[in-house]
């Protein structure tokens, strides 16, 4: 199998898992569900992934990469610092809105995988923390004489945002309701970095 064909099957399987999570949730998804959505075979699945858990971890890793890239691309570092916060949170909400079930499974179900998911969680939080530090060191923040957020404070912001997001998704509320509280909290914390 060529590398391009291999990647295409892998992408289809990840999309199949994402579709099944949207339908049934991760816990109730089976490999048969994944391959049905992917329109492929179990043999193809096991040629790409050793288990449903491995496929899930790869799906979440890619999802987190896309989230970070979307936020980074959506923020204008030259804009006023408060505008940048709204841009970043808006990009986060857009991403979550498009993949709410995947986000909820990352927050609620991935920790149940234990040690297998620990590197994924740690890497995602490290990269998101680095992103907040990087964004808060932009020209727009410097013009306002604000210091970059510290990694511990960035982690607190992210943890609160994750939990608020999970509550909105679990309750079936419009995830756009996260926007204003997240902007207010981020503005208060980042605005205090003088």
Protein backbone atom coordinates (compact mmCIF):
# COMPACT_ATOMS: atom_id res chain seq x y z
CA UNK A 1 0.00 0.00 0.00
CA UNK A 2 1.39 3.41 -0.91
CA UNK A 3 1.86 6.07 1.74
CA UNK A 4 -0.80 8.31 0.15
CA UNK A 5 -3.34 5.47 0.08
CA UNK A 6 -2.37 4.56 3.64
CA UNK A 7 -2.97 8.17 4.74
CA UNK A 8 -6.29 8.27 2.90
CA UNK A 9 -7.52 5.15 4.71
CA UNK A 10 -6.29 6.53 8.02
CA UNK A 11 -8.14 9.81 7.42
CA UNK A 12 -11.33 7.94 6.48
CA UNK A 13 -11.13 5.86 9.65
CA UNK A 14 -10.59 8.94 11.80
CA UNK A 15 -13.58 10.58 10.10
CA UNK A 16 -15.54 7.38 10.71
CA UNK A 17 -14.71 7.50 14.40
CA UNK A 18 -15.66 11.18 14.57
CA UNK A 19 -19.01 10.43 12.93
CA UNK A 20 -19.69 7.56 15.30
CA UNK A 21 -18.80 9.68 18.33
CA UNK A 22 -21.31 12.24 17.06
CA UNK A 23 -23.96 9.50 16.78
CA UNK A 24 -23.27 7.30 19.80
CA UNK A 25 -20.46 8.76 21.87
CA UNK A 26 -17.02 7.23 22.18
CA UNK A 27 -17.85 4.66 24.84
CA UNK A 28 -20.62 3.05 22.77
CA UNK A 29 -18.71 3.19 19.49
CA UNK A 30 -17.32 -0.10 18.19
CA UNK A 31 -14.76 -0.81 15.50
CA UNK A 32 -17.69 -2.03 13.39
CA UNK A 33 -19.28 1.43 13.72
CA UNK A 34 -16.05 3.12 12.69
CA UNK A 35 -15.56 1.01 9.57
CA UNK A 36 -19.25 1.34 8.64
CA UNK A 37 -18.94 5.15 8.70
CA UNK A 38 -15.58 4.95 6.89
CA UNK A 39 -16.96 2.53 4.30
CA UNK A 40 -14.05 0.19 4.71
CA UNK A 41 -13.23 -3.09 6.46
CA UNK A 42 -12.05 -4.17 9.89
CA UNK A 43 -8.95 -5.52 8.17
CA UNK A 44 -8.19 -1.99 6.93
CA UNK A 45 -8.85 -0.61 10.40
CA UNK A 46 -6.40 -3.00 12.05
CA UNK A 47 -3.80 -2.29 9.36
CA UNK A 48 -3.89 1.34 10.55
CA UNK A 49 -4.65 1.13 14.27
CA UNK A 50 -4.03 -1.50 16.91
CA UNK A 51 -7.25 -0.62 18.75
CA UNK A 52 -10.22 1.71 19.00
CA UNK A 53 -8.32 3.56 21.76
CA UNK A 54 -5.32 4.19 19.50
CA UNK A 55 -7.64 5.55 16.80
CA UNK A 56 -9.36 7.77 19.38
CA UNK A 57 -6.08 9.18 20.65
CA UNK A 58 -5.00 10.00 17.09
CA UNK A 59 -8.35 11.66 16.39
CA UNK A 60 -8.01 13.82 19.50
CA UNK A 61 -4.38 14.67 18.73
CA UNK A 62 -5.34 15.89 15.26
CA UNK A 63 -8.36 17.74 16.61
CA UNK A 64 -6.18 19.58 19.11
CA UNK A 65 -3.68 20.46 16.36
CA UNK A 66 -6.50 21.89 14.25
CA UNK A 67 -7.84 23.85 17.22
CA UNK A 68 -4.45 25.45 17.90
CA UNK A 69 -3.86 26.22 14.21
CA UNK A 70 -7.34 27.76 13.89
CA UNK A 71 -6.84 29.99 16.92
CA UNK A 72 -3.37 31.08 15.76
CA UNK A 73 -4.66 31.88 12.26
CA UNK A 74 -7.64 33.83 13.63
CA UNK A 75 -5.73 36.23 15.87
CA UNK A 76 -4.20 39.40 14.48
CA UNK A 77 -1.13 40.05 16.69
CA UNK A 78 -1.20 43.74 15.72
CA UNK A 79 -4.78 44.23 16.94
CA UNK A 80 -5.65 45.71 20.34
CA UNK A 81 -5.12 43.12 23.08
CA UNK A 82 -8.84 42.98 23.92
CA UNK A 83 -9.69 42.37 20.26
CA UNK A 84 -7.12 39.57 20.18
CA UNK A 85 -8.78 37.92 23.18
CA UNK A 86 -12.17 38.05 21.44
CA UNK A 87 -10.60 36.67 18.23
CA UNK A 88 -8.95 33.79 20.10
CA UNK A 89 -12.03 32.86 22.10
CA UNK A 90 -14.21 33.25 18.99
CA UNK A 91 -11.96 30.84 17.08
CA UNK A 92 -12.09 28.39 19.99
CA UNK A 93 -15.90 28.54 20.04
CA UNK A 94 -16.12 28.10 16.24
CA UNK A 95 -13.95 24.99 16.43
CA UNK A 96 -15.89 23.53 19.36
CA UNK A 97 -19.23 24.29 17.74
CA UNK A 98 -18.20 22.31 14.65
CA UNK A 99 -16.95 19.34 16.73
CA UNK A 100 -18.80 19.47 20.04
CA UNK A 101 -19.02 15.70 20.50
CA UNK A 102 -15.29 15.27 19.85
CA UNK A 103 -14.47 18.01 22.35
CA UNK A 104 -16.72 16.52 25.00
CA UNK A 105 -15.17 13.09 24.49
CA UNK A 106 -11.70 14.63 24.90
CA UNK A 107 -12.70 16.31 28.15
CA UNK A 108 -14.82 13.55 29.67
CA UNK A 109 -13.92 10.20 28.09
CA UNK A 110 -10.23 10.38 27.21
CA UNK A 111 -9.14 10.51 30.88
CA UNK A 112 -10.77 7.09 31.37
CA UNK A 113 -8.10 5.65 29.07
CA UNK A 114 -5.59 6.23 31.86
CA UNK A 115 -1.89 6.12 31.04
CA UNK A 116 -2.56 5.65 27.31
CA UNK A 117 -4.16 9.11 27.09
CA UNK A 118 -1.87 10.92 29.53
CA UNK A 119 0.72 11.95 26.87
CA UNK A 120 -2.09 13.27 24.65
CA UNK A 121 -3.60 15.35 27.45
CA UNK A 122 -0.23 16.66 28.59
CA UNK A 123 0.84 17.55 25.07
CA UNK A 124 -2.45 19.32 24.29
CA UNK A 125 -2.38 21.37 27.47
CA UNK A 126 1.32 22.20 26.99
CA UNK A 127 0.70 23.39 23.42
CA UNK A 128 -2.40 25.37 24.35
CA UNK A 129 -0.54 26.97 27.26
CA UNK A 130 2.36 27.87 24.95
CA UNK A 131 -0.16 29.35 22.51
CA UNK A 132 -1.66 31.62 25.18
CA UNK A 133 1.78 32.75 26.30
CA UNK A 134 2.77 33.42 22.68
CA UNK A 135 -0.42 35.32 21.87
CA UNK A 136 -0.12 37.45 25.00
CA UNK A 137 3.42 38.46 23.98
CA UNK A 138 2.18 40.01 20.73
CA UNK A 139 2.60 43.66 19.72
CA UNK A 140 -1.00 44.44 20.71
CA UNK A 141 -0.33 43.29 24.27
CA UNK A 142 3.07 45.03 24.41
CA UNK A 143 1.53 48.35 23.30
CA UNK A 144 -0.80 48.08 26.31
CA UNK A 145 2.25 47.40 28.51
CA UNK A 146 0.92 43.99 29.49
CA UNK A 147 3.30 41.19 30.32
CA UNK A 148 2.71 37.80 28.72
CA UNK A 149 0.53 35.49 30.78
CA UNK A 150 2.49 33.03 32.89
CA UNK A 151 2.13 29.33 32.09
CA UNK A 152 0.39 28.57 35.44
CA UNK A 153 -2.21 31.30 34.84
CA UNK A 154 -2.67 30.17 31.24
CA UNK A 155 -3.36 26.66 32.52
CA UNK A 156 -5.97 28.01 34.94
CA UNK A 157 -7.69 29.88 32.10
CA UNK A 158 -7.65 26.77 29.91
CA UNK A 159 -8.93 24.49 32.66
CA UNK A 160 -11.86 26.78 33.39
CA UNK A 161 -12.66 27.12 29.71
CA UNK A 162 -12.58 23.33 29.20
CA UNK A 163 -14.95 22.73 32.10
CA UNK A 164 -17.35 25.48 31.01
CA UNK A 165 -17.32 24.05 27.49
CA UNK A 166 -18.05 20.54 28.77
CA UNK A 167 -21.00 21.78 30.82
CA UNK A 168 -22.50 23.61 27.84
CA UNK A 169 -22.12 20.61 25.54
CA UNK A 170 -23.42 18.11 28.13
CA UNK A 171 -26.48 20.28 28.77
CA UNK A 172 -27.18 20.67 25.05
CA UNK A 173 -26.79 24.44 25.28
CA UNK A 174 -25.51 26.58 22.44
CA UNK A 175 -21.72 26.54 22.83
CA UNK A 176 -21.63 30.16 21.68
CA UNK A 177 -22.82 30.95 25.21
CA UNK A 178 -19.24 30.26 26.32
CA UNK A 179 -17.95 33.28 24.39
CA UNK A 180 -18.80 36.19 26.68
CA UNK A 181 -17.85 34.57 30.01
CA UNK A 182 -14.59 33.33 28.47
CA UNK A 183 -13.77 36.76 27.04
CA UNK A 184 -14.59 38.44 30.37
CA UNK A 185 -12.45 36.02 32.42
CA UNK A 186 -9.56 36.13 29.97
CA UNK A 187 -9.67 39.94 29.80
CA UNK A 188 -9.63 40.18 33.59
CA UNK A 189 -6.71 37.77 33.99
CA UNK A 190 -4.64 39.02 31.07
CA UNK A 191 -5.38 42.66 31.84
CA UNK A 192 -3.87 42.19 35.30
CA UNK A 193 -0.48 41.16 33.83
CA UNK A 194 1.23 44.53 34.28
